[in-house]
Amino acid sequence: MDDARTAAAKAAPFQSAKTDRRRFQRVRVNLLGRYMLEDKREYPCQVVDMSPGGARLVAPVTGSVGERVVAYIDHIGRIEGRCTRLLDGGFAMSVETTARKRDKLAAQLTWLANRHVLNLPEDRRHDRFVPRTPYTTLVDETGHEQRAKIIDASLSGVAVQVERKPPLGVAVRIGQLRGRVVRRFDEGVAIEFSVVQTPDGLDRNLS
């Protein structure tokens, strides 16, 4: 009886983690990134489906089950966890994070799923508003810095009035946030953030 009780106790954490991962709905995505295994070497990857509890990666090096993985994924940012399963041409990994960050990841995945379905160049479902401080700094990939007036912003992007408009597709920094120019108009440009923001962080990081 004691042996059975001990075995059940040892199995419980793994069963709990497995059950926890199954609570999350996976979203089909197509996101590029890089990942690092325990040998500290970096490799390119493509995330093909993801949930707040795990991700499936197409990757050149798989490592081993249980190995620690740190990944940097476009539109998502940094995630970390462990390799849970080896697959043909890649592997599956868990996503280990706090409840707050898991909620943020769920919102990011919802946005990405809707953006893919509706084929939108930038998010149109997040409420748009003008931050408390309507002026910020725009720096393009050449290092050119200029003052920018914020026309409106959302959790996924911002429209700014600038004198010198960067070309479409150019990587930029707006305030403390990184993004890419997705649209040009008469007064300026629209920028899509590299990572979907939270309401608290958006106003602070745009300043």
N, C-alpha and C. Protein backbone atom coordinates (compact mmCIF):
# COMPACT_ATOMS: atom_id res chain seq x y z
N MET A 1 0.82 -1.20 0.00
CA MET A 1 0.00 0.00 0.00
C MET A 1 0.86 1.25 0.00
N ASP A 2 1.92 1.25 0.83
CA ASP A 2 2.80 2.42 0.88
C ASP A 2 3.49 2.65 -0.45
N ASP A 3 3.91 1.54 -1.11
CA ASP A 3 4.57 1.67 -2.41
C ASP A 3 3.64 2.27 -3.45
N ALA A 4 2.37 1.85 -3.42
CA ALA A 4 1.38 2.37 -4.37
C ALA A 4 1.12 3.84 -4.13
N ARG A 5 1.06 4.23 -2.85
CA ARG A 5 0.82 5.63 -2.51
C ARG A 5 1.99 6.50 -2.95
N THR A 6 3.22 5.97 -2.77
CA THR A 6 4.41 6.71 -3.16
C THR A 6 4.47 6.89 -4.68
N ALA A 7 4.13 5.82 -5.41
CA ALA A 7 4.14 5.89 -6.87
C ALA A 7 3.12 6.89 -7.37
N ALA A 8 1.94 6.92 -6.75
CA ALA A 8 0.89 7.86 -7.16
C ALA A 8 1.33 9.29 -6.90
N ALA A 9 2.02 9.50 -5.78
CA ALA A 9 2.47 10.86 -5.45
C ALA A 9 3.51 11.34 -6.44
N LYS A 10 4.41 10.43 -6.88
CA LYS A 10 5.43 10.82 -7.84
C LYS A 10 4.82 11.14 -9.19
N ALA A 11 3.76 10.42 -9.55
CA ALA A 11 3.14 10.63 -10.86
C ALA A 11 2.27 11.86 -10.91
N ALA A 12 1.78 12.33 -9.77
CA ALA A 12 0.81 13.42 -9.72
C ALA A 12 1.26 14.70 -10.41
N PRO A 13 2.51 15.17 -10.16
CA PRO A 13 2.90 16.43 -10.82
C PRO A 13 2.89 16.33 -12.32
N PHE A 14 3.31 15.17 -12.87
CA PHE A 14 3.33 15.01 -14.31
C PHE A 14 1.92 14.94 -14.87
N GLN A 15 1.02 14.28 -14.17
CA GLN A 15 -0.37 14.21 -14.61
C GLN A 15 -1.00 15.60 -14.57
N SER A 16 -0.67 16.35 -13.52
CA SER A 16 -1.22 17.69 -13.39
C SER A 16 -0.76 18.59 -14.52
N ALA A 17 0.55 18.52 -14.84
CA ALA A 17 1.09 19.35 -15.91
C ALA A 17 0.46 18.99 -17.25
N LYS A 18 0.27 17.68 -17.47
CA LYS A 18 -0.33 17.23 -18.73
C LYS A 18 -1.76 17.71 -18.83
N THR A 19 -2.51 17.60 -17.72
CA THR A 19 -3.89 18.06 -17.71
C THR A 19 -3.97 19.57 -17.93
N ASP A 20 -3.01 20.30 -17.30
CA ASP A 20 -2.98 21.75 -17.43
C ASP A 20 -2.77 22.16 -18.88
N ARG A 21 -1.85 21.47 -19.58
CA ARG A 21 -1.59 21.82 -20.97
C ARG A 21 -2.81 21.56 -21.84
N ARG A 22 -3.58 20.52 -21.51
CA ARG A 22 -4.74 20.18 -22.32
C ARG A 22 -5.88 21.19 -22.16
N ARG A 23 -5.81 22.03 -21.13
CA ARG A 23 -6.86 23.04 -20.93
C ARG A 23 -6.79 24.12 -22.00
N PHE A 24 -5.63 24.30 -22.62
CA PHE A 24 -5.43 25.40 -23.55
C PHE A 24 -5.68 24.95 -24.98
N GLN A 25 -6.38 25.77 -25.71
CA GLN A 25 -6.66 25.48 -27.11
C GLN A 25 -5.49 25.94 -27.96
N ARG A 26 -5.01 25.05 -28.83
CA ARG A 26 -3.89 25.40 -29.70
C ARG A 26 -4.37 26.21 -30.89
N VAL A 27 -3.55 27.14 -31.30
CA VAL A 27 -3.84 28.02 -32.43
C VAL A 27 -2.80 27.75 -33.52
N ARG A 28 -3.27 27.57 -34.74
CA ARG A 28 -2.34 27.39 -35.86
C ARG A 28 -1.74 28.74 -36.23
N VAL A 29 -0.42 28.82 -36.23
CA VAL A 29 0.28 30.06 -36.53
C VAL A 29 1.43 29.77 -37.49
N ASN A 30 2.04 30.82 -37.95
CA ASN A 30 3.23 30.70 -38.79
C ASN A 30 4.19 31.80 -38.36
N LEU A 31 4.95 31.53 -37.30
CA LEU A 31 5.80 32.54 -36.68
C LEU A 31 7.26 32.09 -36.71
N LEU A 32 8.14 32.99 -37.11
CA LEU A 32 9.56 32.69 -37.14
C LEU A 32 10.20 33.12 -35.83
N GLY A 33 11.32 32.51 -35.53
CA GLY A 33 12.03 32.87 -34.31
C GLY A 33 13.35 32.15 -34.20
N ARG A 34 13.91 32.20 -33.01
CA ARG A 34 15.16 31.50 -32.71
C ARG A 34 15.01 30.85 -31.34
N TYR A 35 15.72 29.73 -31.14
CA TYR A 35 15.64 29.05 -29.86
C TYR A 35 17.02 28.60 -29.41
N MET A 36 17.15 28.38 -28.13
CA MET A 36 18.42 27.99 -27.54
C MET A 36 18.20 26.78 -26.64
N LEU A 37 19.01 25.76 -26.82
CA LEU A 37 18.97 24.58 -25.98
C LEU A 37 19.98 24.75 -24.84
N GLU A 38 20.16 23.71 -24.06
CA GLU A 38 21.03 23.82 -22.89
C GLU A 38 22.50 23.99 -23.25
N ASP A 39 22.87 23.71 -24.51
CA ASP A 39 24.27 23.91 -24.91
C ASP A 39 24.55 25.37 -25.25
N LYS A 40 23.52 26.25 -25.11
CA LYS A 40 23.64 27.69 -25.33
C LYS A 40 23.80 28.08 -26.80
N ARG A 41 23.66 27.14 -27.71
CA ARG A 41 23.74 27.47 -29.13
C ARG A 41 22.35 27.85 -29.63
N GLU A 42 22.29 28.83 -30.56
CA GLU A 42 21.02 29.29 -31.09
C GLU A 42 20.76 28.71 -32.47
N TYR A 43 19.47 28.44 -32.73
CA TYR A 43 19.06 27.89 -34.01
C TYR A 43 17.78 28.60 -34.47
N PRO A 44 17.57 28.72 -35.78
CA PRO A 44 16.31 29.29 -36.28
C PRO A 44 15.18 28.29 -36.14
N CYS A 45 13.95 28.78 -36.05
CA CYS A 45 12.80 27.88 -35.93
C CYS A 45 11.55 28.53 -36.52
N GLN A 46 10.52 27.72 -36.67
CA GLN A 46 9.21 28.19 -37.10
C GLN A 46 8.18 27.56 -36.18
N VAL A 47 7.35 28.37 -35.55
CA VAL A 47 6.28 27.86 -34.70
C VAL A 47 5.04 27.65 -35.56
N VAL A 48 4.52 26.42 -35.57
CA VAL A 48 3.38 26.10 -36.45
C VAL A 48 2.07 25.98 -35.68
N ASP A 49 2.12 25.71 -34.40
CA ASP A 49 0.92 25.86 -33.58
C ASP A 49 1.35 26.13 -32.14
N MET A 50 0.45 26.78 -31.40
CA MET A 50 0.84 27.25 -30.08
C MET A 50 -0.38 27.46 -29.20
N SER A 51 -0.20 27.31 -27.91
CA SER A 51 -1.21 27.64 -26.92
C SER A 51 -0.48 28.32 -25.77
N PRO A 52 -1.20 28.87 -24.79
CA PRO A 52 -0.51 29.44 -23.63
C PRO A 52 0.26 28.41 -22.82
N GLY A 53 0.06 27.11 -23.11
CA GLY A 53 0.76 26.08 -22.36
C GLY A 53 1.83 25.34 -23.13
N GLY A 54 1.92 25.57 -24.46
CA GLY A 54 2.92 24.83 -25.22
C GLY A 54 2.99 25.29 -26.66
N ALA A 55 4.01 24.80 -27.38
CA ALA A 55 4.21 25.18 -28.77
C ALA A 55 4.84 24.03 -29.54
N ARG A 56 4.58 24.00 -30.85
CA ARG A 56 5.20 23.00 -31.73
C ARG A 56 6.10 23.74 -32.70
N LEU A 57 7.37 23.35 -32.75
CA LEU A 57 8.37 24.04 -33.54
C LEU A 57 8.93 23.15 -34.64
N VAL A 58 9.07 23.74 -35.83
CA VAL A 58 9.87 23.12 -36.88
C VAL A 58 11.29 23.62 -36.64
N ALA A 59 12.23 22.69 -36.43
CA ALA A 59 13.56 23.08 -35.99
C ALA A 59 14.62 22.11 -36.50
N PRO A 60 15.84 22.61 -36.77
CA PRO A 60 16.90 21.76 -37.28
C PRO A 60 17.54 20.85 -36.24
N VAL A 61 17.50 21.25 -34.97
CA VAL A 61 18.08 20.46 -33.88
C VAL A 61 17.02 20.28 -32.80
N THR A 62 16.81 19.03 -32.36
CA THR A 62 15.71 18.76 -31.44
C THR A 62 16.10 18.67 -29.98
N GLY A 63 17.36 18.39 -29.68
CA GLY A 63 17.71 18.20 -28.29
C GLY A 63 17.12 16.90 -27.77
N SER A 64 16.76 16.86 -26.50
CA SER A 64 16.20 15.65 -25.91
C SER A 64 15.01 16.00 -25.04
N VAL A 65 14.14 15.03 -24.82
CA VAL A 65 12.95 15.25 -23.99
C VAL A 65 13.39 15.64 -22.58
N GLY A 66 12.77 16.70 -22.06
CA GLY A 66 13.12 17.20 -20.74
C GLY A 66 14.15 18.31 -20.75
N GLU A 67 14.78 18.55 -21.91
CA GLU A 67 15.81 19.58 -22.01
C GLU A 67 15.19 20.97 -21.97
N ARG A 68 15.89 21.89 -21.31
CA ARG A 68 15.43 23.27 -21.19
C ARG A 68 15.52 23.98 -22.53
N VAL A 69 14.48 24.77 -22.88
CA VAL A 69 14.44 25.50 -24.15
C VAL A 69 14.05 26.95 -23.86
N VAL A 70 14.78 27.88 -24.46
CA VAL A 70 14.43 29.29 -24.43
C VAL A 70 14.26 29.74 -25.88
N ALA A 71 13.14 30.36 -26.22
CA ALA A 71 12.87 30.77 -27.59
C ALA A 71 12.44 32.23 -27.65
N TYR A 72 12.78 32.88 -28.75
CA TYR A 72 12.36 34.25 -29.02
C TYR A 72 11.55 34.22 -30.31
N ILE A 73 10.25 34.47 -30.20
CA ILE A 73 9.33 34.28 -31.31
C ILE A 73 8.75 35.63 -31.75
N ASP A 74 8.71 35.85 -33.08
CA ASP A 74 8.12 37.08 -33.61
C ASP A 74 6.70 37.26 -33.11
N HIS A 75 6.33 38.47 -32.72
CA HIS A 75 4.99 38.85 -32.22
C HIS A 75 4.70 38.31 -30.82
N ILE A 76 5.49 37.39 -30.32
CA ILE A 76 5.25 36.80 -29.00
C ILE A 76 6.29 37.25 -27.99
N GLY A 77 7.55 37.23 -28.41
CA GLY A 77 8.62 37.57 -27.49
C GLY A 77 9.28 36.34 -26.92
N ARG A 78 9.79 36.44 -25.72
CA ARG A 78 10.55 35.35 -25.09
C ARG A 78 9.62 34.36 -24.41
N ILE A 79 9.84 33.08 -24.69
CA ILE A 79 9.15 32.01 -23.96
C ILE A 79 10.19 31.00 -23.50
N GLU A 80 9.89 30.28 -22.46
CA GLU A 80 10.80 29.22 -22.02
C GLU A 80 10.01 28.06 -21.47
N GLY A 81 10.62 26.90 -21.52
CA GLY A 81 9.97 25.68 -21.05
C GLY A 81 10.89 24.50 -21.27
N ARG A 82 10.30 23.33 -21.50
CA ARG A 82 11.09 22.12 -21.73
C ARG A 82 10.57 21.37 -22.94
N CYS A 83 11.48 20.67 -23.60
CA CYS A 83 11.10 19.81 -24.72
C CYS A 83 10.24 18.68 -24.19
N THR A 84 9.02 18.55 -24.70
CA THR A 84 8.10 17.52 -24.20
C THR A 84 7.94 16.34 -25.14
N ARG A 85 8.27 16.57 -26.43
CA ARG A 85 8.07 15.50 -27.41
C ARG A 85 8.91 15.78 -28.64
N LEU A 86 9.55 14.72 -29.18
CA LEU A 86 10.31 14.86 -30.42
C LEU A 86 9.41 14.54 -31.59
N LEU A 87 9.47 15.36 -32.64
CA LEU A 87 8.63 15.21 -33.81
C LEU A 87 9.49 15.12 -35.05
N ASP A 88 8.90 14.68 -36.15
CA ASP A 88 9.61 14.64 -37.41
C ASP A 88 9.90 16.07 -37.88
N GLY A 89 11.15 16.47 -37.85
CA GLY A 89 11.52 17.82 -38.28
C GLY A 89 11.40 18.87 -37.21
N GLY A 90 11.24 18.49 -35.96
CA GLY A 90 11.14 19.47 -34.90
C GLY A 90 10.80 18.86 -33.56
N PHE A 91 10.15 19.64 -32.70
CA PHE A 91 9.80 19.16 -31.36
C PHE A 91 8.68 20.01 -30.78
N ALA A 92 8.07 19.50 -29.74
CA ALA A 92 7.06 20.24 -28.97
C ALA A 92 7.68 20.65 -27.64
N MET A 93 7.31 21.82 -27.18
CA MET A 93 7.83 22.30 -25.90
C MET A 93 6.70 22.84 -25.03
N SER A 94 6.90 22.76 -23.74
CA SER A 94 5.96 23.39 -22.81
C SER A 94 6.29 24.87 -22.72
N VAL A 95 5.33 25.66 -22.26
CA VAL A 95 5.56 27.07 -21.97
C VAL A 95 5.33 27.26 -20.48
N GLU A 96 6.39 27.57 -19.77
CA GLU A 96 6.33 27.72 -18.32
C GLU A 96 6.39 29.20 -17.98
N THR A 97 5.33 29.72 -17.39
CA THR A 97 5.28 31.15 -17.10
C THR A 97 4.29 31.41 -15.98
N THR A 98 4.15 32.66 -15.59
CA THR A 98 3.21 33.03 -14.53
C THR A 98 1.80 33.11 -15.11
N ALA A 99 0.81 33.11 -14.24
CA ALA A 99 -0.59 33.21 -14.68
C ALA A 99 -0.83 34.52 -15.44
N ARG A 100 -0.21 35.59 -14.99
CA ARG A 100 -0.39 36.89 -15.65
C ARG A 100 0.17 36.88 -17.07
N LYS A 101 1.38 36.33 -17.23
CA LYS A 101 1.98 36.26 -18.56
C LYS A 101 1.24 35.27 -19.45
N ARG A 102 0.67 34.24 -18.84
CA ARG A 102 -0.11 33.27 -19.63
C ARG A 102 -1.37 33.94 -20.20
N ASP A 103 -2.00 34.80 -19.41
CA ASP A 103 -3.17 35.54 -19.90
C ASP A 103 -2.78 36.46 -21.05
N LYS A 104 -1.61 37.11 -20.93
CA LYS A 104 -1.13 37.98 -22.00
C LYS A 104 -0.87 37.17 -23.26
N LEU A 105 -0.27 35.98 -23.10
CA LEU A 105 0.02 35.13 -24.25
C LEU A 105 -1.27 34.68 -24.92
N ALA A 106 -2.29 34.37 -24.12
CA ALA A 106 -3.59 33.98 -24.69
C ALA A 106 -4.17 35.11 -25.53
N ALA A 107 -4.04 36.35 -25.06
CA ALA A 107 -4.55 37.50 -25.82
C ALA A 107 -3.76 37.69 -27.12
N GLN A 108 -2.43 37.49 -27.05
CA GLN A 108 -1.61 37.62 -28.25
C GLN A 108 -1.99 36.57 -29.29
N LEU A 109 -2.23 35.33 -28.84
CA LEU A 109 -2.58 34.25 -29.76
C LEU A 109 -3.96 34.48 -30.37
N THR A 110 -4.89 35.01 -29.59
CA THR A 110 -6.22 35.33 -30.11
C THR A 110 -6.11 36.37 -31.21
N TRP A 111 -5.29 37.39 -30.96
CA TRP A 111 -5.07 38.44 -31.97
C TRP A 111 -4.46 37.85 -33.24
N LEU A 112 -3.44 37.01 -33.08
CA LEU A 112 -2.78 36.41 -34.23
C LEU A 112 -3.72 35.53 -35.03
N ALA A 113 -4.56 34.76 -34.33
CA ALA A 113 -5.52 33.89 -35.01
C ALA A 113 -6.52 34.71 -35.81
N ASN A 114 -7.05 35.76 -35.22
CA ASN A 114 -8.03 36.62 -35.91
C ASN A 114 -7.39 37.36 -37.07
N ARG A 115 -6.16 37.81 -36.88
CA ARG A 115 -5.45 38.53 -37.93
C ARG A 115 -5.23 37.63 -39.14
N HIS A 116 -4.92 36.36 -38.87
CA HIS A 116 -4.70 35.41 -39.97
C HIS A 116 -6.00 35.13 -40.72
N VAL A 117 -7.08 34.91 -39.97
CA VAL A 117 -8.36 34.57 -40.58
C VAL A 117 -8.88 35.71 -41.45
N LEU A 118 -8.75 36.96 -40.96
CA LEU A 118 -9.28 38.12 -41.68
C LEU A 118 -8.26 38.76 -42.61
N ASN A 119 -7.03 38.24 -42.60
CA ASN A 119 -5.98 38.73 -43.49
C ASN A 119 -5.75 40.23 -43.33
N LEU A 120 -5.68 40.68 -42.10
CA LEU A 120 -5.49 42.10 -41.83
C LEU A 120 -4.02 42.45 -41.74
N PRO A 121 -3.59 43.59 -42.29
CA PRO A 121 -2.20 44.00 -42.16
C PRO A 121 -1.88 44.47 -40.76
N GLU A 122 -2.88 44.89 -40.03
CA GLU A 122 -2.68 45.29 -38.64
C GLU A 122 -3.99 45.09 -37.90
N ASP A 123 -3.93 45.06 -36.59
CA ASP A 123 -5.11 44.74 -35.80
C ASP A 123 -6.16 45.83 -35.86
N ARG A 124 -7.41 45.44 -36.06
CA ARG A 124 -8.52 46.39 -36.07
C ARG A 124 -9.53 46.08 -34.97
N ARG A 125 -9.21 45.13 -34.10
CA ARG A 125 -10.17 44.78 -33.06
C ARG A 125 -9.85 45.42 -31.72
N HIS A 126 -8.60 45.80 -31.50
CA HIS A 126 -8.26 46.48 -30.27
C HIS A 126 -8.73 47.93 -30.33
N ASP A 127 -9.26 48.41 -29.23
CA ASP A 127 -9.68 49.81 -29.16
C ASP A 127 -8.49 50.71 -29.42
N ARG A 128 -8.73 51.78 -30.20
CA ARG A 128 -7.67 52.72 -30.50
C ARG A 128 -7.89 53.99 -29.68
N PHE A 129 -6.79 54.59 -29.22
CA PHE A 129 -6.89 55.77 -28.37
C PHE A 129 -5.64 56.61 -28.54
N VAL A 130 -5.68 57.83 -28.02
CA VAL A 130 -4.51 58.72 -28.03
C VAL A 130 -3.90 58.69 -26.64
N PRO A 131 -2.62 58.30 -26.51
CA PRO A 131 -1.98 58.24 -25.19
C PRO A 131 -1.95 59.60 -24.50
N ARG A 132 -1.68 59.59 -23.19
CA ARG A 132 -1.65 60.83 -22.42
C ARG A 132 -0.57 61.78 -22.94
N THR A 133 0.58 61.21 -23.33
CA THR A 133 1.64 62.02 -23.93
C THR A 133 1.64 61.77 -25.43
N PRO A 134 1.17 62.75 -26.23
CA PRO A 134 0.97 62.50 -27.66
C PRO A 134 2.23 62.59 -28.51
N TYR A 135 3.38 62.86 -27.90
CA TYR A 135 4.61 62.98 -28.67
C TYR A 135 5.62 61.92 -28.23
N THR A 136 6.36 61.39 -29.20
CA THR A 136 7.37 60.38 -28.91
C THR A 136 8.48 60.51 -29.94
N THR A 137 9.38 59.53 -29.98
CA THR A 137 10.52 59.55 -30.90
C THR A 137 10.48 58.32 -31.80
N LEU A 138 10.70 58.52 -33.08
CA LEU A 138 10.75 57.43 -34.05
C LEU A 138 12.17 57.31 -34.58
N VAL A 139 12.73 56.09 -34.46
CA VAL A 139 14.09 55.83 -34.96
C VAL A 139 14.00 54.72 -35.99
N ASP A 140 14.51 54.97 -37.22
CA ASP A 140 14.46 53.93 -38.25
C ASP A 140 15.74 53.10 -38.24
N GLU A 141 15.83 52.12 -39.16
CA GLU A 141 16.95 51.19 -39.13
C GLU A 141 18.27 51.83 -39.53
N THR A 142 18.23 53.04 -40.10
CA THR A 142 19.48 53.75 -40.41
C THR A 142 20.00 54.53 -39.22
N GLY A 143 19.20 54.60 -38.15
CA GLY A 143 19.58 55.37 -36.98
C GLY A 143 19.03 56.78 -36.98
N HIS A 144 18.30 57.15 -38.04
CA HIS A 144 17.72 58.50 -38.09
C HIS A 144 16.62 58.64 -37.04
N GLU A 145 16.71 59.67 -36.25
CA GLU A 145 15.75 59.91 -35.16
C GLU A 145 14.95 61.17 -35.44
N GLN A 146 13.64 61.09 -35.21
CA GLN A 146 12.80 62.27 -35.43
C GLN A 146 11.63 62.27 -34.44
N ARG A 147 11.10 63.46 -34.22
CA ARG A 147 9.94 63.63 -33.34
C ARG A 147 8.70 63.12 -34.07
N ALA A 148 7.83 62.42 -33.35
CA ALA A 148 6.61 61.87 -33.94
C ALA A 148 5.42 62.23 -33.08
N LYS A 149 4.34 62.65 -33.72
CA LYS A 149 3.08 62.92 -33.02
C LYS A 149 2.16 61.72 -33.18
N ILE A 150 1.70 61.18 -32.05
CA ILE A 150 0.85 60.00 -32.07
C ILE A 150 -0.57 60.40 -32.47
N ILE A 151 -1.06 59.82 -33.56
CA ILE A 151 -2.43 60.07 -34.01
C ILE A 151 -3.40 59.20 -33.22
N ASP A 152 -3.11 57.91 -33.19
CA ASP A 152 -3.83 56.98 -32.31
C ASP A 152 -2.99 55.73 -32.14
N ALA A 153 -3.37 54.92 -31.15
CA ALA A 153 -2.60 53.71 -30.83
C ALA A 153 -3.54 52.61 -30.36
N SER A 154 -3.08 51.38 -30.48
CA SER A 154 -3.80 50.23 -29.93
C SER A 154 -2.76 49.29 -29.33
N LEU A 155 -3.19 48.15 -28.82
CA LEU A 155 -2.26 47.21 -28.21
C LEU A 155 -1.31 46.60 -29.23
N SER A 156 -1.65 46.69 -30.51
CA SER A 156 -0.82 46.04 -31.53
C SER A 156 -0.11 47.00 -32.47
N GLY A 157 -0.43 48.30 -32.39
CA GLY A 157 0.23 49.21 -33.32
C GLY A 157 -0.10 50.66 -33.05
N VAL A 158 0.53 51.54 -33.83
CA VAL A 158 0.35 52.97 -33.62
C VAL A 158 0.45 53.69 -34.96
N ALA A 159 -0.32 54.77 -35.10
CA ALA A 159 -0.22 55.63 -36.27
C ALA A 159 0.39 56.95 -35.80
N VAL A 160 1.43 57.41 -36.52
CA VAL A 160 2.13 58.62 -36.10
C VAL A 160 2.30 59.59 -37.27
N GLN A 161 2.32 60.86 -36.92
CA GLN A 161 2.59 61.91 -37.91
C GLN A 161 4.07 62.23 -37.84
N VAL A 162 4.77 62.08 -38.97
CA VAL A 162 6.20 62.36 -39.02
C VAL A 162 6.54 63.11 -40.30
N GLU A 163 7.66 63.82 -40.26
CA GLU A 163 8.09 64.58 -41.44
C GLU A 163 8.74 63.66 -42.47
N ARG A 164 9.57 62.73 -42.00
CA ARG A 164 10.26 61.81 -42.90
C ARG A 164 9.67 60.42 -42.71
N LYS A 165 9.00 59.91 -43.74
CA LYS A 165 8.30 58.63 -43.63
C LYS A 165 9.20 57.46 -44.05
N PRO A 166 9.46 56.51 -43.14
CA PRO A 166 10.27 55.34 -43.50
C PRO A 166 9.51 54.48 -44.52
N PRO A 167 10.23 53.71 -45.34
CA PRO A 167 9.59 52.84 -46.33
C PRO A 167 8.79 51.72 -45.67
N LEU A 168 7.87 51.13 -46.43
CA LEU A 168 7.11 49.98 -45.95
C LEU A 168 8.04 48.83 -45.61
N GLY A 169 7.72 48.15 -44.51
CA GLY A 169 8.48 46.98 -44.13
C GLY A 169 9.72 47.24 -43.31
N VAL A 170 10.08 48.51 -43.16
CA VAL A 170 11.31 48.85 -42.43
C VAL A 170 11.09 48.66 -40.92
N ALA A 171 12.09 48.09 -40.26
CA ALA A 171 12.05 47.93 -38.81
C ALA A 171 12.34 49.28 -38.15
N VAL A 172 11.57 49.63 -37.12
CA VAL A 172 11.73 50.91 -36.45
C VAL A 172 11.60 50.72 -34.94
N ARG A 173 11.99 51.77 -34.22
CA ARG A 173 11.72 51.83 -32.78
C ARG A 173 10.88 53.07 -32.53
N ILE A 174 9.74 52.89 -31.88
CA ILE A 174 8.86 54.00 -31.57
C ILE A 174 8.77 54.10 -30.05
N GLY A 175 9.32 55.15 -29.47
CA GLY A 175 9.46 55.19 -28.02
C GLY A 175 10.41 54.08 -27.61
N GLN A 176 9.94 53.19 -26.73
CA GLN A 176 10.74 52.04 -26.30
C GLN A 176 10.33 50.75 -27.00
N LEU A 177 9.40 50.84 -27.95
CA LEU A 177 8.84 49.65 -28.59
C LEU A 177 9.41 49.45 -29.98
N ARG A 178 9.62 48.20 -30.33
CA ARG A 178 10.09 47.86 -31.67
C ARG A 178 8.92 47.41 -32.53
N GLY A 179 9.01 47.72 -33.82
CA GLY A 179 7.94 47.35 -34.72
C GLY A 179 8.38 47.45 -36.17
N ARG A 180 7.38 47.49 -37.06
CA ARG A 180 7.66 47.53 -38.49
C ARG A 180 6.60 48.40 -39.17
N VAL A 181 7.01 49.18 -40.16
CA VAL A 181 6.08 50.04 -40.89
C VAL A 181 5.20 49.17 -41.78
N VAL A 182 3.87 49.27 -41.59
CA VAL A 182 2.94 48.45 -42.37
C VAL A 182 2.06 49.28 -43.29
N ARG A 183 2.07 50.60 -43.11
CA ARG A 183 1.23 51.45 -43.96
C ARG A 183 1.78 52.87 -43.96
N ARG A 184 1.68 53.55 -45.12
CA ARG A 184 2.05 54.96 -45.22
C ARG A 184 0.82 55.75 -45.65
N PHE A 185 0.67 56.96 -45.12
CA PHE A 185 -0.43 57.83 -45.51
C PHE A 185 0.11 59.25 -45.57
N ASP A 186 -0.74 60.21 -45.92
CA ASP A 186 -0.28 61.58 -46.18
C ASP A 186 0.52 62.17 -45.02
N GLU A 187 0.02 61.98 -43.78
CA GLU A 187 0.65 62.64 -42.63
C GLU A 187 1.81 61.84 -42.03
N GLY A 188 1.84 60.53 -42.27
CA GLY A 188 2.86 59.74 -41.61
C GLY A 188 2.79 58.27 -41.92
N VAL A 189 2.97 57.43 -40.88
CA VAL A 189 3.03 55.98 -41.08
C VAL A 189 2.28 55.25 -39.97
N ALA A 190 1.86 54.01 -40.27
CA ALA A 190 1.30 53.10 -39.27
C ALA A 190 2.35 52.04 -38.98
N ILE A 191 2.53 51.74 -37.72
CA ILE A 191 3.55 50.79 -37.27
C ILE A 191 2.90 49.65 -36.50
N GLU A 192 3.26 48.44 -36.85
CA GLU A 192 2.80 47.26 -36.12
C GLU A 192 3.89 46.86 -35.13
N PHE A 193 3.54 46.72 -33.84
CA PHE A 193 4.51 46.34 -32.83
C PHE A 193 4.99 44.91 -33.05
N SER A 194 6.23 44.63 -32.66
CA SER A 194 6.77 43.27 -32.75
C SER A 194 6.06 42.33 -31.78
N VAL A 195 5.61 42.88 -30.65
CA VAL A 195 4.91 42.10 -29.63
C VAL A 195 3.67 42.87 -29.21
N VAL A 196 2.53 42.21 -29.13
CA VAL A 196 1.30 42.84 -28.67
C VAL A 196 1.50 43.32 -27.24
N GLN A 197 1.08 44.54 -26.95
CA GLN A 197 1.31 45.16 -25.65
C GLN A 197 0.15 44.95 -24.68
N THR A 198 0.41 45.28 -23.43
CA THR A 198 -0.64 45.33 -22.42
C THR A 198 -1.06 46.78 -22.26
N PRO A 199 -2.29 47.04 -21.79
CA PRO A 199 -2.72 48.44 -21.61
C PRO A 199 -1.79 49.25 -20.72
N ASP A 200 -1.29 48.64 -19.64
CA ASP A 200 -0.42 49.37 -18.72
C ASP A 200 0.91 49.72 -19.37
N GLY A 201 1.47 48.76 -20.11
CA GLY A 201 2.79 48.98 -20.69
C GLY A 201 2.79 49.87 -21.91
N LEU A 202 1.67 49.91 -22.64
CA LEU A 202 1.64 50.66 -23.90
C LEU A 202 1.90 52.14 -23.68
N ASP A 203 1.16 52.76 -22.80
CA ASP A 203 1.29 54.21 -22.58
C ASP A 203 2.69 54.54 -22.06
N ARG A 204 3.21 53.69 -21.18
CA ARG A 204 4.54 53.95 -20.61
C ARG A 204 5.64 53.80 -21.65
N ASN A 205 5.55 52.75 -22.49
CA ASN A 205 6.63 52.47 -23.44
C ASN A 205 6.59 53.34 -24.69
N LEU A 206 5.46 53.96 -24.97
CA LEU A 206 5.38 54.85 -26.12
C LEU A 206 6.00 56.22 -25.82
N SER A 207 6.04 56.58 -24.54
CA SER A 207 6.54 57.91 -24.17
C SER A 207 8.01 58.07 -24.53
